[in-house]
Amino acid sequence: MKKNKYLFLIIILLSLSCTGQKKDFVSTGDYTVAISNAVKDFYKTSSLIKKDTVFSISHRILSSDIMEVSIIGNPNKFYIDGDKPLNRIPTNYIEYNGKIFYWYDDNQNNLKSDIINKLQQYRLIEYNADIIAYSRDDKKKGMNYYFCIKDLSKYKKTSSSKDIIPNISCK
């Protein structure tokens, strides 16, 4: 009888903790809302948050129902020679509890000074560098989020080392 009470209590606590993570999710909006929801969940639930301070985000529409948002730690810098970027500079970012998450928006052409300033705070900008260095770790893990486009509070996530889109009911 005592075991049943503990089991019941554990089940209740687990169900409350799972629903609590979604309560601050916004359910309608565009990809920027999905990115914000993914960042919140990533920060709260992923052990990968402890490994990096800087994270790159990518996003794409997979179907009329599903949008993918991927998050991975990225230590690479951005290089500027004079006032000309030598590599692609992100167009948007979210700063969340001492971490920065950045991404590119193909619809935005203007380089904003606020993103340059924020990237400088994280020591991600190099001016007039003699050597441009990039690193790529194919074994580095990230997290993929699959959101229902019509209800962004409905999602599933997988480790980015798995290239399988999970089944998600968006009805």
N, C-alpha and C. Protein backbone atom coordinates (compact mmCIF):
# COMPACT_ATOMS: atom_id res chain seq x y z
N MET A 1 0.83 -1.20 0.00
CA MET A 1 0.00 0.00 0.00
C MET A 1 0.87 1.26 0.00
N LYS A 2 1.94 1.23 0.79
CA LYS A 2 2.83 2.38 0.88
C LYS A 2 3.53 2.61 -0.46
N LYS A 3 3.90 1.51 -1.15
CA LYS A 3 4.56 1.63 -2.45
C LYS A 3 3.62 2.27 -3.47
N ASN A 4 2.34 1.92 -3.40
CA ASN A 4 1.36 2.49 -4.33
C ASN A 4 1.22 3.99 -4.13
N LYS A 5 1.27 4.46 -2.89
CA LYS A 5 1.18 5.90 -2.62
C LYS A 5 2.40 6.62 -3.20
N TYR A 6 3.59 6.05 -3.00
CA TYR A 6 4.80 6.68 -3.53
C TYR A 6 4.79 6.68 -5.06
N LEU A 7 4.35 5.59 -5.64
CA LEU A 7 4.27 5.51 -7.09
C LEU A 7 3.29 6.55 -7.62
N PHE A 8 2.14 6.69 -6.98
CA PHE A 8 1.14 7.67 -7.37
C PHE A 8 1.72 9.08 -7.24
N LEU A 9 2.41 9.36 -6.15
CA LEU A 9 3.01 10.67 -5.93
C LEU A 9 4.06 10.97 -7.00
N ILE A 10 4.88 10.01 -7.33
CA ILE A 10 5.91 10.21 -8.36
C ILE A 10 5.27 10.50 -9.71
N ILE A 11 4.22 9.75 -10.04
CA ILE A 11 3.54 9.97 -11.32
C ILE A 11 2.94 11.37 -11.38
N ILE A 12 2.31 11.81 -10.31
CA ILE A 12 1.73 13.16 -10.26
C ILE A 12 2.82 14.22 -10.43
N LEU A 13 3.93 14.08 -9.71
CA LEU A 13 5.01 15.06 -9.79
C LEU A 13 5.61 15.10 -11.19
N LEU A 14 5.81 13.95 -11.80
CA LEU A 14 6.36 13.92 -13.15
C LEU A 14 5.42 14.58 -14.15
N SER A 15 4.14 14.31 -14.03
CA SER A 15 3.19 14.92 -14.98
C SER A 15 3.12 16.42 -14.79
N LEU A 16 3.22 16.89 -13.57
CA LEU A 16 3.21 18.34 -13.34
C LEU A 16 4.46 19.00 -13.89
N SER A 17 5.60 18.35 -13.73
CA SER A 17 6.84 18.95 -14.23
C SER A 17 6.85 18.99 -15.75
N CYS A 18 6.29 18.00 -16.42
CA CYS A 18 6.25 18.00 -17.88
C CYS A 18 5.33 19.09 -18.41
N THR A 19 4.19 19.29 -17.80
CA THR A 19 3.27 20.31 -18.29
C THR A 19 3.76 21.70 -17.91
N GLY A 20 4.51 21.82 -16.86
CA GLY A 20 5.01 23.12 -16.44
C GLY A 20 5.97 23.72 -17.44
N GLN A 21 6.69 22.89 -18.19
CA GLN A 21 7.63 23.41 -19.16
C GLN A 21 6.94 24.01 -20.37
N LYS A 22 5.74 23.58 -20.67
CA LYS A 22 5.03 24.09 -21.83
C LYS A 22 4.19 25.30 -21.51
N LYS A 23 3.96 25.59 -20.25
CA LYS A 23 3.01 26.66 -19.92
C LYS A 23 3.50 28.03 -20.36
N ASP A 24 4.82 28.23 -20.46
CA ASP A 24 5.30 29.52 -20.93
C ASP A 24 5.58 29.53 -22.43
N PHE A 25 5.18 28.47 -23.12
CA PHE A 25 5.30 28.41 -24.57
C PHE A 25 4.17 29.23 -25.20
N VAL A 26 4.50 29.91 -26.27
CA VAL A 26 3.51 30.61 -27.07
C VAL A 26 3.07 29.64 -28.15
N SER A 27 1.78 29.53 -28.39
CA SER A 27 1.28 28.51 -29.31
C SER A 27 1.08 29.01 -30.74
N THR A 28 1.02 30.31 -30.95
CA THR A 28 0.83 30.83 -32.30
C THR A 28 1.92 31.82 -32.65
N GLY A 29 2.26 31.86 -33.93
CA GLY A 29 3.28 32.78 -34.40
C GLY A 29 4.10 32.18 -35.52
N ASP A 30 5.20 32.83 -35.84
CA ASP A 30 6.05 32.36 -36.92
C ASP A 30 7.26 31.61 -36.37
N TYR A 31 8.27 31.45 -37.22
CA TYR A 31 9.45 30.69 -36.81
C TYR A 31 10.18 31.33 -35.62
N THR A 32 10.07 32.65 -35.45
CA THR A 32 10.76 33.27 -34.31
C THR A 32 10.14 32.83 -32.99
N VAL A 33 8.85 32.59 -32.98
CA VAL A 33 8.17 32.08 -31.78
C VAL A 33 8.60 30.64 -31.52
N ALA A 34 8.70 29.84 -32.59
CA ALA A 34 9.17 28.46 -32.44
C ALA A 34 10.60 28.44 -31.90
N ILE A 35 11.44 29.34 -32.39
CA ILE A 35 12.82 29.43 -31.90
C ILE A 35 12.82 29.78 -30.42
N SER A 36 12.02 30.75 -30.02
CA SER A 36 11.94 31.14 -28.62
C SER A 36 11.49 29.97 -27.75
N ASN A 37 10.47 29.24 -28.20
CA ASN A 37 10.01 28.07 -27.46
C ASN A 37 11.12 27.02 -27.35
N ALA A 38 11.84 26.79 -28.44
CA ALA A 38 12.92 25.80 -28.44
C ALA A 38 14.04 26.21 -27.48
N VAL A 39 14.40 27.49 -27.48
CA VAL A 39 15.46 27.98 -26.58
C VAL A 39 15.04 27.77 -25.13
N LYS A 40 13.81 28.09 -24.80
CA LYS A 40 13.33 27.91 -23.42
C LYS A 40 13.42 26.44 -23.00
N ASP A 41 12.95 25.55 -23.87
CA ASP A 41 12.99 24.13 -23.54
C ASP A 41 14.42 23.62 -23.47
N PHE A 42 15.25 24.03 -24.42
CA PHE A 42 16.66 23.61 -24.46
C PHE A 42 17.37 24.02 -23.17
N TYR A 43 17.14 25.26 -22.76
CA TYR A 43 17.79 25.75 -21.54
C TYR A 43 17.35 24.96 -20.31
N LYS A 44 16.06 24.65 -20.26
CA LYS A 44 15.52 23.97 -19.07
C LYS A 44 15.80 22.48 -19.04
N THR A 45 15.91 21.83 -20.21
CA THR A 45 15.92 20.37 -20.21
C THR A 45 17.17 19.71 -20.78
N SER A 46 17.97 20.43 -21.55
CA SER A 46 19.10 19.78 -22.23
C SER A 46 20.39 19.89 -21.42
N SER A 47 21.07 18.77 -21.29
CA SER A 47 22.38 18.78 -20.62
C SER A 47 23.42 19.48 -21.50
N LEU A 48 23.13 19.67 -22.78
CA LEU A 48 24.07 20.33 -23.69
C LEU A 48 24.25 21.81 -23.34
N ILE A 49 23.32 22.38 -22.60
CA ILE A 49 23.41 23.79 -22.23
C ILE A 49 24.65 24.07 -21.38
N LYS A 50 25.13 23.06 -20.68
CA LYS A 50 26.29 23.23 -19.80
C LYS A 50 27.61 23.23 -20.56
N LYS A 51 27.60 22.76 -21.80
CA LYS A 51 28.84 22.59 -22.55
C LYS A 51 29.29 23.82 -23.31
N ASP A 52 28.37 24.75 -23.57
CA ASP A 52 28.69 25.92 -24.39
C ASP A 52 27.98 27.16 -23.85
N THR A 53 28.43 28.30 -24.33
CA THR A 53 27.78 29.57 -24.02
C THR A 53 27.13 30.14 -25.28
N VAL A 54 27.64 29.72 -26.43
CA VAL A 54 27.18 30.24 -27.71
C VAL A 54 26.55 29.10 -28.50
N PHE A 55 25.35 29.37 -29.03
CA PHE A 55 24.61 28.34 -29.77
C PHE A 55 24.11 28.91 -31.10
N SER A 56 24.26 28.10 -32.12
CA SER A 56 23.75 28.43 -33.45
C SER A 56 22.40 27.74 -33.63
N ILE A 57 21.48 28.45 -34.24
CA ILE A 57 20.14 27.92 -34.50
C ILE A 57 19.89 27.93 -36.00
N SER A 58 19.29 26.86 -36.48
CA SER A 58 18.80 26.85 -37.86
C SER A 58 17.33 26.46 -37.82
N HIS A 59 16.63 26.86 -38.85
CA HIS A 59 15.19 26.58 -38.90
C HIS A 59 14.79 26.34 -40.34
N ARG A 60 13.78 25.48 -40.52
CA ARG A 60 13.25 25.23 -41.85
C ARG A 60 11.85 24.64 -41.74
N ILE A 61 11.08 24.84 -42.79
CA ILE A 61 9.74 24.26 -42.89
C ILE A 61 9.91 22.89 -43.56
N LEU A 62 9.41 21.85 -42.90
CA LEU A 62 9.52 20.51 -43.46
C LEU A 62 8.29 20.11 -44.26
N SER A 63 7.14 20.61 -43.86
CA SER A 63 5.88 20.31 -44.56
C SER A 63 4.89 21.42 -44.21
N SER A 64 3.69 21.27 -44.69
CA SER A 64 2.67 22.28 -44.36
C SER A 64 2.29 22.24 -42.89
N ASP A 65 2.67 21.17 -42.20
CA ASP A 65 2.32 21.02 -40.78
C ASP A 65 3.49 21.17 -39.82
N ILE A 66 4.73 20.92 -40.28
CA ILE A 66 5.86 20.79 -39.35
C ILE A 66 7.01 21.73 -39.70
N MET A 67 7.54 22.35 -38.65
CA MET A 67 8.70 23.22 -38.73
C MET A 67 9.80 22.63 -37.85
N GLU A 68 11.04 22.67 -38.33
CA GLU A 68 12.17 22.17 -37.56
C GLU A 68 13.03 23.34 -37.07
N VAL A 69 13.44 23.27 -35.81
CA VAL A 69 14.39 24.22 -35.23
C VAL A 69 15.51 23.39 -34.63
N SER A 70 16.75 23.66 -35.04
CA SER A 70 17.91 22.92 -34.53
C SER A 70 18.81 23.85 -33.74
N ILE A 71 19.34 23.35 -32.62
CA ILE A 71 20.23 24.13 -31.76
C ILE A 71 21.49 23.32 -31.52
N ILE A 72 22.66 23.96 -31.72
CA ILE A 72 23.94 23.30 -31.48
C ILE A 72 24.95 24.33 -30.99
N GLY A 73 25.82 23.93 -30.09
CA GLY A 73 26.88 24.81 -29.62
C GLY A 73 27.82 25.14 -30.77
N ASN A 74 28.27 26.39 -30.83
CA ASN A 74 29.13 26.81 -31.94
C ASN A 74 30.17 27.81 -31.45
N PRO A 75 31.45 27.41 -31.40
CA PRO A 75 32.49 28.30 -30.90
C PRO A 75 33.10 29.22 -31.95
N ASN A 76 32.66 29.13 -33.21
CA ASN A 76 33.30 29.89 -34.28
C ASN A 76 33.04 31.38 -34.16
N LYS A 77 34.03 32.14 -34.62
CA LYS A 77 33.95 33.60 -34.58
C LYS A 77 33.48 34.13 -35.92
N PHE A 78 33.15 35.41 -35.92
CA PHE A 78 32.76 36.12 -37.13
C PHE A 78 33.84 37.15 -37.41
N TYR A 79 34.22 37.27 -38.68
CA TYR A 79 35.36 38.10 -39.05
C TYR A 79 34.91 39.30 -39.87
N ILE A 80 35.46 40.46 -39.49
CA ILE A 80 35.14 41.70 -40.17
C ILE A 80 36.45 42.40 -40.52
N ASP A 81 36.57 42.78 -41.80
CA ASP A 81 37.75 43.51 -42.27
C ASP A 81 37.30 44.93 -42.58
N GLY A 82 37.73 45.87 -41.75
CA GLY A 82 37.23 47.24 -41.86
C GLY A 82 35.78 47.25 -41.43
N ASP A 83 34.89 47.48 -42.39
CA ASP A 83 33.46 47.40 -42.08
C ASP A 83 32.78 46.31 -42.92
N LYS A 84 33.58 45.47 -43.56
CA LYS A 84 33.04 44.42 -44.43
C LYS A 84 33.14 43.05 -43.76
N PRO A 85 32.01 42.38 -43.54
CA PRO A 85 32.05 41.03 -42.98
C PRO A 85 32.72 40.07 -43.96
N LEU A 86 33.56 39.20 -43.43
CA LEU A 86 34.23 38.20 -44.26
C LEU A 86 33.49 36.87 -44.25
N ASN A 87 32.60 36.71 -43.32
CA ASN A 87 31.72 35.54 -43.31
C ASN A 87 30.32 36.02 -42.94
N ARG A 88 29.39 35.15 -43.03
CA ARG A 88 28.00 35.51 -42.81
C ARG A 88 27.75 35.82 -41.33
N ILE A 89 27.24 37.01 -41.07
CA ILE A 89 26.95 37.46 -39.71
C ILE A 89 25.47 37.16 -39.42
N PRO A 90 25.17 36.62 -38.24
CA PRO A 90 23.77 36.35 -37.90
C PRO A 90 22.93 37.62 -37.94
N THR A 91 21.65 37.44 -38.18
CA THR A 91 20.74 38.58 -38.24
C THR A 91 19.92 38.74 -36.97
N ASN A 92 19.83 37.67 -36.17
CA ASN A 92 18.99 37.70 -34.97
C ASN A 92 19.65 36.91 -33.85
N TYR A 93 19.24 37.23 -32.64
CA TYR A 93 19.74 36.48 -31.49
C TYR A 93 18.73 36.56 -30.35
N ILE A 94 18.88 35.60 -29.45
CA ILE A 94 18.19 35.63 -28.16
C ILE A 94 19.28 35.44 -27.11
N GLU A 95 19.28 36.31 -26.13
CA GLU A 95 20.17 36.12 -24.99
C GLU A 95 19.30 35.59 -23.85
N TYR A 96 19.70 34.45 -23.31
CA TYR A 96 18.88 33.79 -22.31
C TYR A 96 19.77 33.27 -21.20
N ASN A 97 19.67 33.87 -20.03
CA ASN A 97 20.41 33.45 -18.84
C ASN A 97 21.91 33.26 -19.10
N GLY A 98 22.52 34.27 -19.69
CA GLY A 98 23.97 34.24 -19.88
C GLY A 98 24.43 33.41 -21.07
N LYS A 99 23.52 32.98 -21.91
CA LYS A 99 23.84 32.23 -23.12
C LYS A 99 23.31 33.02 -24.31
N ILE A 100 23.98 32.89 -25.45
CA ILE A 100 23.49 33.55 -26.65
C ILE A 100 23.16 32.49 -27.71
N PHE A 101 22.00 32.68 -28.33
CA PHE A 101 21.50 31.80 -29.38
C PHE A 101 21.29 32.69 -30.60
N TYR A 102 21.99 32.40 -31.71
CA TYR A 102 21.86 33.25 -32.89
C TYR A 102 21.42 32.44 -34.11
N TRP A 103 20.85 33.16 -35.07
CA TRP A 103 20.43 32.54 -36.31
C TRP A 103 20.41 33.56 -37.44
N TYR A 104 20.22 33.05 -38.65
CA TYR A 104 20.19 33.84 -39.86
C TYR A 104 18.76 33.90 -40.39
N ASP A 105 18.39 35.05 -40.89
CA ASP A 105 17.10 35.21 -41.55
C ASP A 105 17.39 35.68 -42.97
N ASP A 106 17.09 34.83 -43.93
CA ASP A 106 17.37 35.16 -45.33
C ASP A 106 16.58 36.36 -45.82
N ASN A 107 15.53 36.74 -45.12
CA ASN A 107 14.73 37.89 -45.53
C ASN A 107 15.27 39.21 -45.00
N GLN A 108 16.28 39.14 -44.14
CA GLN A 108 16.88 40.37 -43.60
C GLN A 108 18.26 40.55 -44.21
N ASN A 109 18.44 41.67 -44.89
CA ASN A 109 19.71 41.95 -45.55
C ASN A 109 20.58 42.92 -44.75
N ASN A 110 19.96 43.70 -43.90
CA ASN A 110 20.69 44.74 -43.18
C ASN A 110 21.40 44.17 -41.97
N LEU A 111 22.66 44.53 -41.85
CA LEU A 111 23.44 44.15 -40.68
C LEU A 111 23.18 45.17 -39.59
N LYS A 112 22.66 44.70 -38.47
CA LYS A 112 22.29 45.61 -37.38
C LYS A 112 23.44 45.76 -36.39
N SER A 113 23.64 46.97 -35.91
CA SER A 113 24.74 47.22 -34.97
C SER A 113 24.50 46.52 -33.64
N ASP A 114 23.24 46.32 -33.25
CA ASP A 114 23.00 45.67 -31.96
C ASP A 114 23.48 44.21 -31.96
N ILE A 115 23.37 43.53 -33.09
CA ILE A 115 23.86 42.14 -33.13
C ILE A 115 25.38 42.13 -33.10
N ILE A 116 26.02 43.07 -33.77
CA ILE A 116 27.49 43.15 -33.72
C ILE A 116 27.93 43.42 -32.29
N ASN A 117 27.29 44.35 -31.64
CA ASN A 117 27.64 44.68 -30.25
C ASN A 117 27.45 43.47 -29.33
N LYS A 118 26.36 42.74 -29.52
CA LYS A 118 26.10 41.58 -28.67
C LYS A 118 27.13 40.48 -28.94
N LEU A 119 27.46 40.25 -30.20
CA LEU A 119 28.48 39.25 -30.54
C LEU A 119 29.84 39.65 -29.98
N GLN A 120 30.13 40.94 -29.96
CA GLN A 120 31.38 41.41 -29.36
C GLN A 120 31.42 41.13 -27.86
N GLN A 121 30.29 41.28 -27.18
CA GLN A 121 30.25 40.99 -25.74
C GLN A 121 30.62 39.54 -25.46
N TYR A 122 30.30 38.65 -26.38
CA TYR A 122 30.63 37.23 -26.22
C TYR A 122 31.96 36.87 -26.89
N ARG A 123 32.72 37.91 -27.29
CA ARG A 123 34.03 37.74 -27.93
C ARG A 123 33.95 36.89 -29.20
N LEU A 124 32.92 37.13 -29.98
CA LEU A 124 32.70 36.37 -31.21
C LEU A 124 33.06 37.14 -32.47
N ILE A 125 33.49 38.39 -32.33
CA ILE A 125 33.87 39.21 -33.48
C ILE A 125 35.38 39.40 -33.47
N GLU A 126 35.98 39.17 -34.63
CA GLU A 126 37.40 39.45 -34.83
C GLU A 126 37.51 40.48 -35.95
N TYR A 127 38.21 41.57 -35.69
CA TYR A 127 38.42 42.59 -36.69
C TYR A 127 39.81 42.45 -37.29
N ASN A 128 39.89 42.57 -38.61
CA ASN A 128 41.17 42.60 -39.33
C ASN A 128 42.10 41.46 -38.92
N ALA A 129 41.58 40.28 -38.84
CA ALA A 129 42.37 39.12 -38.41
C ALA A 129 43.31 38.67 -39.53
N ASP A 130 44.52 38.25 -39.14
CA ASP A 130 45.47 37.71 -40.10
C ASP A 130 45.11 36.28 -40.49
N ILE A 131 44.58 35.57 -39.53
CA ILE A 131 44.21 34.16 -39.75
C ILE A 131 42.73 33.99 -39.43
N ILE A 132 42.03 33.37 -40.36
CA ILE A 132 40.62 33.06 -40.14
C ILE A 132 40.53 31.57 -39.87
N ALA A 133 40.00 31.24 -38.70
CA ALA A 133 39.94 29.82 -38.30
C ALA A 133 38.50 29.42 -38.02
N TYR A 134 38.15 28.25 -38.50
CA TYR A 134 36.84 27.65 -38.23
C TYR A 134 37.06 26.25 -37.72
N SER A 135 36.21 25.85 -36.82
CA SER A 135 36.28 24.45 -36.37
C SER A 135 34.94 23.79 -36.63
N ARG A 136 34.99 22.51 -36.86
CA ARG A 136 33.77 21.74 -37.08
C ARG A 136 33.96 20.39 -36.42
N ASP A 137 33.03 20.07 -35.56
CA ASP A 137 33.07 18.79 -34.86
C ASP A 137 31.85 17.99 -35.29
N ASP A 138 32.06 17.03 -36.16
CA ASP A 138 30.94 16.24 -36.67
C ASP A 138 30.29 15.37 -35.60
N LYS A 139 30.99 15.18 -34.49
CA LYS A 139 30.44 14.36 -33.40
C LYS A 139 29.68 15.20 -32.38
N LYS A 140 29.73 16.50 -32.53
CA LYS A 140 29.06 17.38 -31.57
C LYS A 140 27.55 17.19 -31.65
N LYS A 141 26.94 17.08 -30.50
CA LYS A 141 25.51 16.85 -30.45
C LYS A 141 24.76 18.17 -30.29
N GLY A 142 23.59 18.18 -30.83
CA GLY A 142 22.68 19.30 -30.69
C GLY A 142 21.29 18.74 -30.46
N MET A 143 20.30 19.60 -30.58
CA MET A 143 18.92 19.17 -30.37
C MET A 143 18.07 19.70 -31.52
N ASN A 144 17.22 18.81 -32.05
CA ASN A 144 16.27 19.18 -33.10
C ASN A 144 14.88 19.21 -32.50
N TYR A 145 14.16 20.27 -32.79
CA TYR A 145 12.77 20.42 -32.34
C TYR A 145 11.87 20.41 -33.57
N TYR A 146 10.77 19.70 -33.47
CA TYR A 146 9.79 19.61 -34.55
C TYR A 146 8.47 20.16 -34.01
N PHE A 147 8.06 21.31 -34.52
CA PHE A 147 6.88 22.01 -34.04
C PHE A 147 5.73 21.87 -35.03
N CYS A 148 4.52 21.75 -34.50
CA CYS A 148 3.32 21.87 -35.33
C CYS A 148 3.16 23.35 -35.66
N ILE A 149 3.09 23.67 -36.92
CA ILE A 149 3.03 25.06 -37.36
C ILE A 149 1.78 25.77 -36.82
N LYS A 150 0.66 25.05 -36.74
CA LYS A 150 -0.59 25.68 -36.30
C LYS A 150 -0.72 25.74 -34.78
N ASP A 151 0.11 25.01 -34.05
CA ASP A 151 0.11 25.05 -32.58
C ASP A 151 1.53 24.79 -32.10
N LEU A 152 2.28 25.85 -31.89
CA LEU A 152 3.70 25.75 -31.56
C LEU A 152 3.96 25.20 -30.16
N SER A 153 2.91 24.98 -29.39
CA SER A 153 3.10 24.33 -28.09
C SER A 153 3.15 22.81 -28.25
N LYS A 154 2.81 22.31 -29.44
CA LYS A 154 2.92 20.88 -29.73
C LYS A 154 4.25 20.65 -30.45
N TYR A 155 5.09 19.83 -29.86
CA TYR A 155 6.40 19.59 -30.46
C TYR A 155 6.97 18.27 -29.96
N LYS A 156 7.99 17.82 -30.68
CA LYS A 156 8.81 16.70 -30.24
C LYS A 156 10.25 17.10 -30.49
N LYS A 157 11.15 16.49 -29.76
CA LYS A 157 12.56 16.81 -29.93
C LYS A 157 13.37 15.53 -30.01
N THR A 158 14.49 15.62 -30.72
CA THR A 158 15.42 14.50 -30.83
C THR A 158 16.84 15.04 -30.78
N SER A 159 17.75 14.17 -30.44
CA SER A 159 19.17 14.52 -30.51
C SER A 159 19.53 14.70 -31.98
N SER A 160 20.38 15.68 -32.27
CA SER A 160 20.72 15.93 -33.67
C SER A 160 21.58 14.83 -34.26
N SER A 161 22.09 13.93 -33.43
CA SER A 161 22.84 12.81 -33.98
C SER A 161 21.91 11.80 -34.65
N LYS A 162 20.62 11.92 -34.37
CA LYS A 162 19.62 11.07 -35.01
C LYS A 162 18.99 11.86 -36.15
N ASP A 163 18.97 11.28 -37.32
CA ASP A 163 18.43 11.99 -38.48
C ASP A 163 17.04 11.47 -38.82
N ILE A 164 16.23 11.27 -37.79
CA ILE A 164 14.89 10.73 -37.98
C ILE A 164 13.88 11.76 -37.48
N ILE A 165 12.93 12.11 -38.33
CA ILE A 165 11.88 13.04 -37.92
C ILE A 165 10.83 12.22 -37.15
N PRO A 166 10.57 12.60 -35.92
CA PRO A 166 9.60 11.82 -35.11
C PRO A 166 8.18 12.05 -35.60
N ASN A 167 7.33 11.08 -35.31
CA ASN A 167 5.90 11.25 -35.60
C ASN A 167 5.33 12.25 -34.62
N ILE A 168 4.64 13.22 -35.14
CA ILE A 168 4.01 14.22 -34.29
C ILE A 168 2.62 14.50 -34.85
N SER A 169 1.64 14.44 -33.97
CA SER A 169 0.26 14.65 -34.38
C SER A 169 -0.07 16.14 -34.28
N CYS A 170 -0.34 16.74 -35.42
CA CYS A 170 -0.64 18.17 -35.46
C CYS A 170 -2.11 18.44 -35.70
N LYS A 171 -2.94 17.47 -35.53
CA LYS A 171 -4.38 17.63 -35.77
C LYS A 171 -5.04 18.33 -34.62
